[in-house]
Structures are given as C-alpha cells and as structure tokens.
Amino acid sequence: VQLQASGGGLVQAGGSLRLSCAASGYIFSIHRMGWYRQAPGKQRELVAAITSGGSTNYVDSVKGRFTISRDNAKNTVYLQMNSLKPEDTGVYYCNPGLGFENYWGQGTQVTVSS
C-alpha cells in the first residue's frame, strides 16, 4: 500500500490550497478515504472523510471551508481547502482508516500564516 499526498505549501490566511493523494496497492474504489491533520504538538485528527459511495463528513472546524472528493478512475482523493486559517497548519495525510493504520505515507505540509 502506498499513499502519496501532495499539494501542500505556505499560504496566507484566507487563501486556498488543493491537496491530492494518490493511492496504490489495494482496491481504492471500495474503501472510504480520509484526510487527517497533525498539528505541531498535537495528535493526528480526522478532518474529512468520503465513503466509497461518495458520502462525506467533516470535523466541525472545517465545515463550509473544506471539500473532500475522489476520482476512482485515478485512485486519487482530493481536499479543497478554502478560507484557510493559521489553525489549519499541520501535516496532512490521507488514509483509508480501519485496517490501514500502518500505512501513512510522508504527508504534505500546510502552513498558514496570519
């Protein structure tokens, strides 16, 4: 299993970024996918998830600002992040969740300056 996140960077508050995660080594289309964030000094948290059928859910702090989507033909999941805040800073990872706890990849760093 490989999970390669990309698209992070340094952005000013109020800006936008689009993260991508290319997955391989398993049947992508039948698994949910989640985007997780690990802020400095904090535990990794789930911020957005999408089921195999396309249903989505978000942590309250990103609702209305982040949008998760997937392209099963490309084995890729996306996270569109708008109206970014300094508290969104962290390393972002994608992962299917249960059963994939040992597969995190390198993540992608998002830094939001105030």
N, C-alpha and C. Protein backbone atom coordinates (compact mmCIF):
# COMPACT_ATOMS: atom_id res chain seq x y z
N VAL A 1 0.85 -1.18 0.00
CA VAL A 1 0.00 0.00 0.00
C VAL A 1 0.89 1.24 0.00
N GLN A 2 0.56 2.16 -0.91
CA GLN A 2 1.26 3.45 -0.93
C GLN A 2 0.24 4.57 -0.98
N LEU A 3 0.48 5.60 -0.18
CA LEU A 3 -0.40 6.75 -0.10
C LEU A 3 0.47 7.99 -0.21
N GLN A 4 0.41 8.67 -1.34
CA GLN A 4 1.31 9.78 -1.61
C GLN A 4 0.52 11.08 -1.67
N ALA A 5 0.64 11.85 -0.61
CA ALA A 5 -0.03 13.14 -0.53
C ALA A 5 0.84 14.24 -1.11
N SER A 6 0.20 15.22 -1.73
CA SER A 6 0.92 16.35 -2.32
C SER A 6 0.02 17.57 -2.35
N GLY A 7 0.61 18.72 -2.67
CA GLY A 7 -0.17 19.93 -2.84
C GLY A 7 -0.08 20.93 -1.71
N GLY A 8 0.62 20.58 -0.65
CA GLY A 8 0.75 21.50 0.47
C GLY A 8 1.65 22.67 0.14
N GLY A 9 1.77 23.58 1.08
CA GLY A 9 2.62 24.75 0.88
C GLY A 9 2.38 25.80 1.93
N LEU A 10 2.95 26.97 1.69
CA LEU A 10 2.79 28.11 2.57
C LEU A 10 1.78 29.07 1.94
N VAL A 11 0.78 29.44 2.71
CA VAL A 11 -0.27 30.31 2.19
C VAL A 11 -0.69 31.29 3.29
N GLN A 12 -1.13 32.47 2.87
CA GLN A 12 -1.63 33.43 3.85
C GLN A 12 -3.04 33.07 4.29
N ALA A 13 -3.39 33.51 5.47
CA ALA A 13 -4.75 33.30 5.97
C ALA A 13 -5.76 33.83 4.95
N GLY A 14 -6.82 33.06 4.74
CA GLY A 14 -7.82 33.41 3.75
C GLY A 14 -7.57 32.78 2.39
N GLY A 15 -6.40 32.23 2.20
CA GLY A 15 -6.04 31.62 0.93
C GLY A 15 -6.59 30.21 0.77
N SER A 16 -6.21 29.58 -0.33
CA SER A 16 -6.71 28.24 -0.67
C SER A 16 -5.57 27.33 -1.11
N LEU A 17 -5.78 26.06 -0.87
CA LEU A 17 -4.89 25.02 -1.37
C LEU A 17 -5.73 23.81 -1.76
N ARG A 18 -5.22 23.03 -2.70
CA ARG A 18 -5.86 21.78 -3.07
C ARG A 18 -4.86 20.66 -2.89
N LEU A 19 -5.18 19.75 -1.99
CA LEU A 19 -4.33 18.60 -1.74
C LEU A 19 -4.79 17.42 -2.59
N SER A 20 -3.84 16.59 -2.97
CA SER A 20 -4.13 15.36 -3.70
C SER A 20 -3.45 14.20 -3.00
N CYS A 21 -4.04 13.03 -3.14
CA CYS A 21 -3.43 11.82 -2.57
C CYS A 21 -3.62 10.69 -3.56
N ALA A 22 -2.52 10.19 -4.07
CA ALA A 22 -2.55 9.06 -4.99
C ALA A 22 -2.35 7.77 -4.20
N ALA A 23 -3.28 6.86 -4.37
CA ALA A 23 -3.25 5.60 -3.63
C ALA A 23 -2.94 4.45 -4.58
N SER A 24 -2.24 3.44 -4.05
CA SER A 24 -1.96 2.25 -4.84
C SER A 24 -1.75 1.07 -3.92
N GLY A 25 -1.83 -0.11 -4.48
CA GLY A 25 -1.56 -1.32 -3.72
C GLY A 25 -2.78 -1.97 -3.09
N TYR A 26 -3.95 -1.40 -3.31
CA TYR A 26 -5.18 -2.00 -2.80
C TYR A 26 -6.33 -1.51 -3.69
N ILE A 27 -7.52 -2.07 -3.48
CA ILE A 27 -8.66 -1.70 -4.31
C ILE A 27 -9.25 -0.39 -3.78
N PHE A 28 -8.83 0.70 -4.39
CA PHE A 28 -9.18 2.04 -3.91
C PHE A 28 -10.69 2.27 -3.87
N SER A 29 -11.38 1.82 -4.89
CA SER A 29 -12.78 2.23 -5.07
C SER A 29 -13.72 1.69 -4.01
N ILE A 30 -13.36 0.62 -3.33
CA ILE A 30 -14.29 0.03 -2.37
C ILE A 30 -14.06 0.51 -0.94
N HIS A 31 -13.05 1.33 -0.74
CA HIS A 31 -12.71 1.81 0.61
C HIS A 31 -13.03 3.28 0.79
N ARG A 32 -13.47 3.64 1.99
CA ARG A 32 -13.55 5.06 2.33
C ARG A 32 -12.15 5.64 2.32
N MET A 33 -12.07 6.98 2.25
CA MET A 33 -10.78 7.65 2.37
C MET A 33 -10.94 8.82 3.31
N GLY A 34 -9.91 9.07 4.07
CA GLY A 34 -9.94 10.19 4.99
C GLY A 34 -8.71 11.06 4.84
N TRP A 35 -8.90 12.34 5.12
CA TRP A 35 -7.77 13.25 5.26
C TRP A 35 -7.59 13.53 6.75
N TYR A 36 -6.37 13.38 7.20
CA TYR A 36 -6.02 13.58 8.59
C TYR A 36 -5.03 14.74 8.69
N ARG A 37 -5.05 15.39 9.83
CA ARG A 37 -4.15 16.52 10.05
C ARG A 37 -3.44 16.32 11.39
N GLN A 38 -2.13 16.57 11.38
CA GLN A 38 -1.38 16.56 12.62
C GLN A 38 -0.71 17.91 12.80
N ALA A 39 -1.25 18.68 13.72
CA ALA A 39 -0.70 19.99 14.03
C ALA A 39 0.49 19.83 14.97
N PRO A 40 1.39 20.79 14.99
CA PRO A 40 2.56 20.70 15.87
C PRO A 40 2.16 20.47 17.32
N GLY A 41 2.72 19.42 17.92
CA GLY A 41 2.46 19.13 19.32
C GLY A 41 1.11 18.51 19.61
N LYS A 42 0.38 18.16 18.57
CA LYS A 42 -0.96 17.59 18.78
C LYS A 42 -1.07 16.22 18.13
N GLN A 43 -2.11 15.51 18.51
CA GLN A 43 -2.36 14.21 17.92
C GLN A 43 -2.98 14.37 16.53
N ARG A 44 -2.78 13.37 15.73
CA ARG A 44 -3.38 13.34 14.41
C ARG A 44 -4.89 13.26 14.54
N GLU A 45 -5.61 14.07 13.75
CA GLU A 45 -7.07 14.05 13.80
C GLU A 45 -7.63 13.91 12.39
N LEU A 46 -8.80 13.27 12.33
CA LEU A 46 -9.51 13.14 11.06
C LEU A 46 -10.25 14.44 10.79
N VAL A 47 -10.03 15.05 9.63
CA VAL A 47 -10.71 16.30 9.31
C VAL A 47 -11.79 16.12 8.26
N ALA A 48 -11.66 15.13 7.39
CA ALA A 48 -12.66 14.91 6.35
C ALA A 48 -12.60 13.47 5.89
N ALA A 49 -13.75 12.92 5.50
CA ALA A 49 -13.79 11.55 5.01
C ALA A 49 -14.82 11.44 3.92
N ILE A 50 -14.61 10.47 3.04
CA ILE A 50 -15.55 10.21 1.96
C ILE A 50 -15.68 8.70 1.81
N THR A 51 -16.92 8.24 1.74
CA THR A 51 -17.16 6.81 1.60
C THR A 51 -16.96 6.37 0.15
N SER A 52 -17.01 5.07 -0.06
CA SER A 52 -16.89 4.55 -1.43
C SER A 52 -18.04 5.06 -2.30
N GLY A 53 -19.18 5.35 -1.68
CA GLY A 53 -20.33 5.84 -2.42
C GLY A 53 -20.38 7.34 -2.58
N GLY A 54 -19.43 8.04 -1.97
CA GLY A 54 -19.35 9.49 -2.14
C GLY A 54 -19.93 10.32 -1.02
N SER A 55 -20.44 9.69 0.03
CA SER A 55 -20.91 10.46 1.18
C SER A 55 -19.73 11.05 1.93
N THR A 56 -19.91 12.26 2.42
CA THR A 56 -18.81 12.96 3.06
C THR A 56 -19.16 13.39 4.48
N ASN A 57 -18.15 13.55 5.30
CA ASN A 57 -18.34 14.17 6.61
C ASN A 57 -17.07 14.91 6.98
N TYR A 58 -17.24 15.91 7.86
CA TYR A 58 -16.16 16.83 8.20
C TYR A 58 -16.15 17.11 9.70
N VAL A 59 -14.99 17.37 10.22
CA VAL A 59 -14.89 17.86 11.58
C VAL A 59 -15.47 19.29 11.59
N ASP A 60 -16.07 19.68 12.69
CA ASP A 60 -16.78 20.96 12.74
C ASP A 60 -15.90 22.14 12.35
N SER A 61 -14.63 22.08 12.69
CA SER A 61 -13.75 23.23 12.47
C SER A 61 -13.48 23.53 10.99
N VAL A 62 -13.78 22.58 10.11
CA VAL A 62 -13.52 22.81 8.68
C VAL A 62 -14.79 22.82 7.84
N LYS A 63 -15.93 22.57 8.45
CA LYS A 63 -17.19 22.55 7.70
C LYS A 63 -17.42 23.89 7.01
N GLY A 64 -17.82 23.81 5.75
CA GLY A 64 -18.07 25.02 4.97
C GLY A 64 -16.82 25.60 4.32
N ARG A 65 -15.65 25.09 4.69
CA ARG A 65 -14.39 25.60 4.13
C ARG A 65 -13.65 24.54 3.32
N PHE A 66 -13.72 23.29 3.75
CA PHE A 66 -13.00 22.20 3.09
C PHE A 66 -14.00 21.32 2.33
N THR A 67 -13.55 20.77 1.21
CA THR A 67 -14.36 19.83 0.44
C THR A 67 -13.50 18.64 0.04
N ILE A 68 -13.94 17.45 0.41
CA ILE A 68 -13.24 16.23 0.03
C ILE A 68 -13.95 15.63 -1.18
N SER A 69 -13.17 15.08 -2.10
CA SER A 69 -13.73 14.42 -3.28
C SER A 69 -12.79 13.30 -3.70
N ARG A 70 -13.26 12.45 -4.58
CA ARG A 70 -12.45 11.33 -5.03
C ARG A 70 -12.68 11.06 -6.50
N ASP A 71 -11.65 10.51 -7.14
CA ASP A 71 -11.72 10.08 -8.53
C ASP A 71 -11.26 8.62 -8.56
N ASN A 72 -12.21 7.71 -8.59
CA ASN A 72 -11.86 6.29 -8.53
C ASN A 72 -11.09 5.83 -9.76
N ALA A 73 -11.30 6.48 -10.89
CA ALA A 73 -10.56 6.12 -12.10
C ALA A 73 -9.07 6.43 -11.96
N LYS A 74 -8.76 7.41 -11.13
CA LYS A 74 -7.37 7.81 -10.92
C LYS A 74 -6.82 7.37 -9.58
N ASN A 75 -7.62 6.64 -8.81
CA ASN A 75 -7.20 6.21 -7.47
C ASN A 75 -6.67 7.39 -6.66
N THR A 76 -7.41 8.48 -6.71
CA THR A 76 -6.95 9.71 -6.07
C THR A 76 -8.08 10.35 -5.27
N VAL A 77 -7.70 10.88 -4.12
CA VAL A 77 -8.64 11.65 -3.29
C VAL A 77 -8.08 13.06 -3.17
N TYR A 78 -8.99 14.02 -3.10
CA TYR A 78 -8.62 15.44 -3.05
C TYR A 78 -9.18 16.11 -1.81
N LEU A 79 -8.54 17.19 -1.41
CA LEU A 79 -9.07 18.03 -0.35
C LEU A 79 -8.90 19.48 -0.79
N GLN A 80 -10.02 20.12 -1.14
CA GLN A 80 -10.02 21.53 -1.47
C GLN A 80 -10.19 22.31 -0.18
N MET A 81 -9.22 23.17 0.11
CA MET A 81 -9.23 23.92 1.36
C MET A 81 -9.31 25.41 1.05
N ASN A 82 -10.39 26.03 1.45
CA ASN A 82 -10.61 27.46 1.25
C ASN A 82 -10.65 28.19 2.58
N SER A 83 -10.52 29.51 2.51
CA SER A 83 -10.58 30.34 3.72
C SER A 83 -9.69 29.79 4.82
N LEU A 84 -8.48 29.48 4.47
CA LEU A 84 -7.56 28.84 5.41
C LEU A 84 -7.25 29.74 6.58
N LYS A 85 -7.07 29.12 7.73
CA LYS A 85 -6.77 29.80 8.99
C LYS A 85 -5.44 29.29 9.53
N PRO A 86 -4.76 30.07 10.35
CA PRO A 86 -3.50 29.60 10.93
C PRO A 86 -3.64 28.27 11.67
N GLU A 87 -4.81 28.03 12.27
CA GLU A 87 -5.01 26.78 12.99
C GLU A 87 -5.16 25.57 12.07
N ASP A 88 -5.20 25.79 10.76
CA ASP A 88 -5.20 24.69 9.81
C ASP A 88 -3.79 24.17 9.54
N THR A 89 -2.81 24.84 10.07
CA THR A 89 -1.41 24.44 9.87
C THR A 89 -1.16 23.04 10.40
N GLY A 90 -0.42 22.25 9.63
CA GLY A 90 -0.07 20.91 10.06
C GLY A 90 0.36 20.07 8.89
N VAL A 91 0.69 18.82 9.17
CA VAL A 91 0.97 17.85 8.12
C VAL A 91 -0.31 17.08 7.83
N TYR A 92 -0.66 17.04 6.57
CA TYR A 92 -1.89 16.39 6.14
C TYR A 92 -1.58 15.04 5.51
N TYR A 93 -2.31 14.04 5.94
CA TYR A 93 -2.15 12.68 5.45
C TYR A 93 -3.48 12.16 4.93
N CYS A 94 -3.41 11.23 3.99
CA CYS A 94 -4.62 10.52 3.58
C CYS A 94 -4.47 9.07 4.03
N ASN A 95 -5.60 8.46 4.31
CA ASN A 95 -5.58 7.07 4.78
C ASN A 95 -6.99 6.51 4.73
N PRO A 96 -7.13 5.23 4.38
CA PRO A 96 -8.48 4.64 4.33
C PRO A 96 -9.08 4.39 5.71
N GLY A 97 -8.26 4.33 6.74
CA GLY A 97 -8.80 4.11 8.08
C GLY A 97 -8.58 2.69 8.56
N LEU A 98 -9.60 2.11 9.11
CA LEU A 98 -9.52 0.80 9.77
C LEU A 98 -8.84 -0.23 8.87
N GLY A 99 -7.79 -0.85 9.44
CA GLY A 99 -7.05 -1.86 8.70
C GLY A 99 -5.83 -1.32 7.98
N PHE A 100 -5.73 0.00 7.89
CA PHE A 100 -4.61 0.64 7.19
C PHE A 100 -3.78 1.50 8.14
N GLU A 101 -3.82 1.18 9.41
CA GLU A 101 -3.18 2.04 10.40
C GLU A 101 -1.67 2.11 10.25
N ASN A 102 -1.06 1.15 9.56
CA ASN A 102 0.40 1.14 9.40
C ASN A 102 0.86 1.83 8.11
N TYR A 103 -0.09 2.40 7.36
CA TYR A 103 0.25 2.98 6.06
C TYR A 103 -0.14 4.45 6.05
N TRP A 104 0.83 5.33 6.29
CA TRP A 104 0.52 6.75 6.35
C TRP A 104 1.21 7.59 5.28
N GLY A 105 2.24 7.13 4.70
CA GLY A 105 2.98 7.94 3.74
C GLY A 105 3.67 9.11 4.42
N GLN A 106 4.21 10.01 3.62
CA GLN A 106 5.02 11.10 4.17
C GLN A 106 4.17 12.33 4.50
N GLY A 107 2.96 12.37 4.03
CA GLY A 107 2.12 13.54 4.28
C GLY A 107 2.58 14.74 3.47
N THR A 108 1.82 15.82 3.59
CA THR A 108 2.19 17.07 2.92
C THR A 108 1.98 18.22 3.91
N GLN A 109 2.95 19.10 4.01
CA GLN A 109 2.93 20.18 4.99
C GLN A 109 2.09 21.35 4.49
N VAL A 110 1.19 21.80 5.33
CA VAL A 110 0.40 23.01 5.07
C VAL A 110 0.72 24.01 6.16
N THR A 111 1.15 25.19 5.76
CA THR A 111 1.45 26.25 6.72
C THR A 111 0.66 27.49 6.34
N VAL A 112 -0.15 27.96 7.28
CA VAL A 112 -0.98 29.14 7.04
C VAL A 112 -0.47 30.27 7.92
N SER A 113 -0.04 31.34 7.28
CA SER A 113 0.49 32.47 8.03
C SER A 113 -0.62 33.49 8.29
N SER A 114 -0.51 34.16 9.43
CA SER A 114 -1.54 35.15 9.81
C SER A 114 -1.20 36.52 9.25
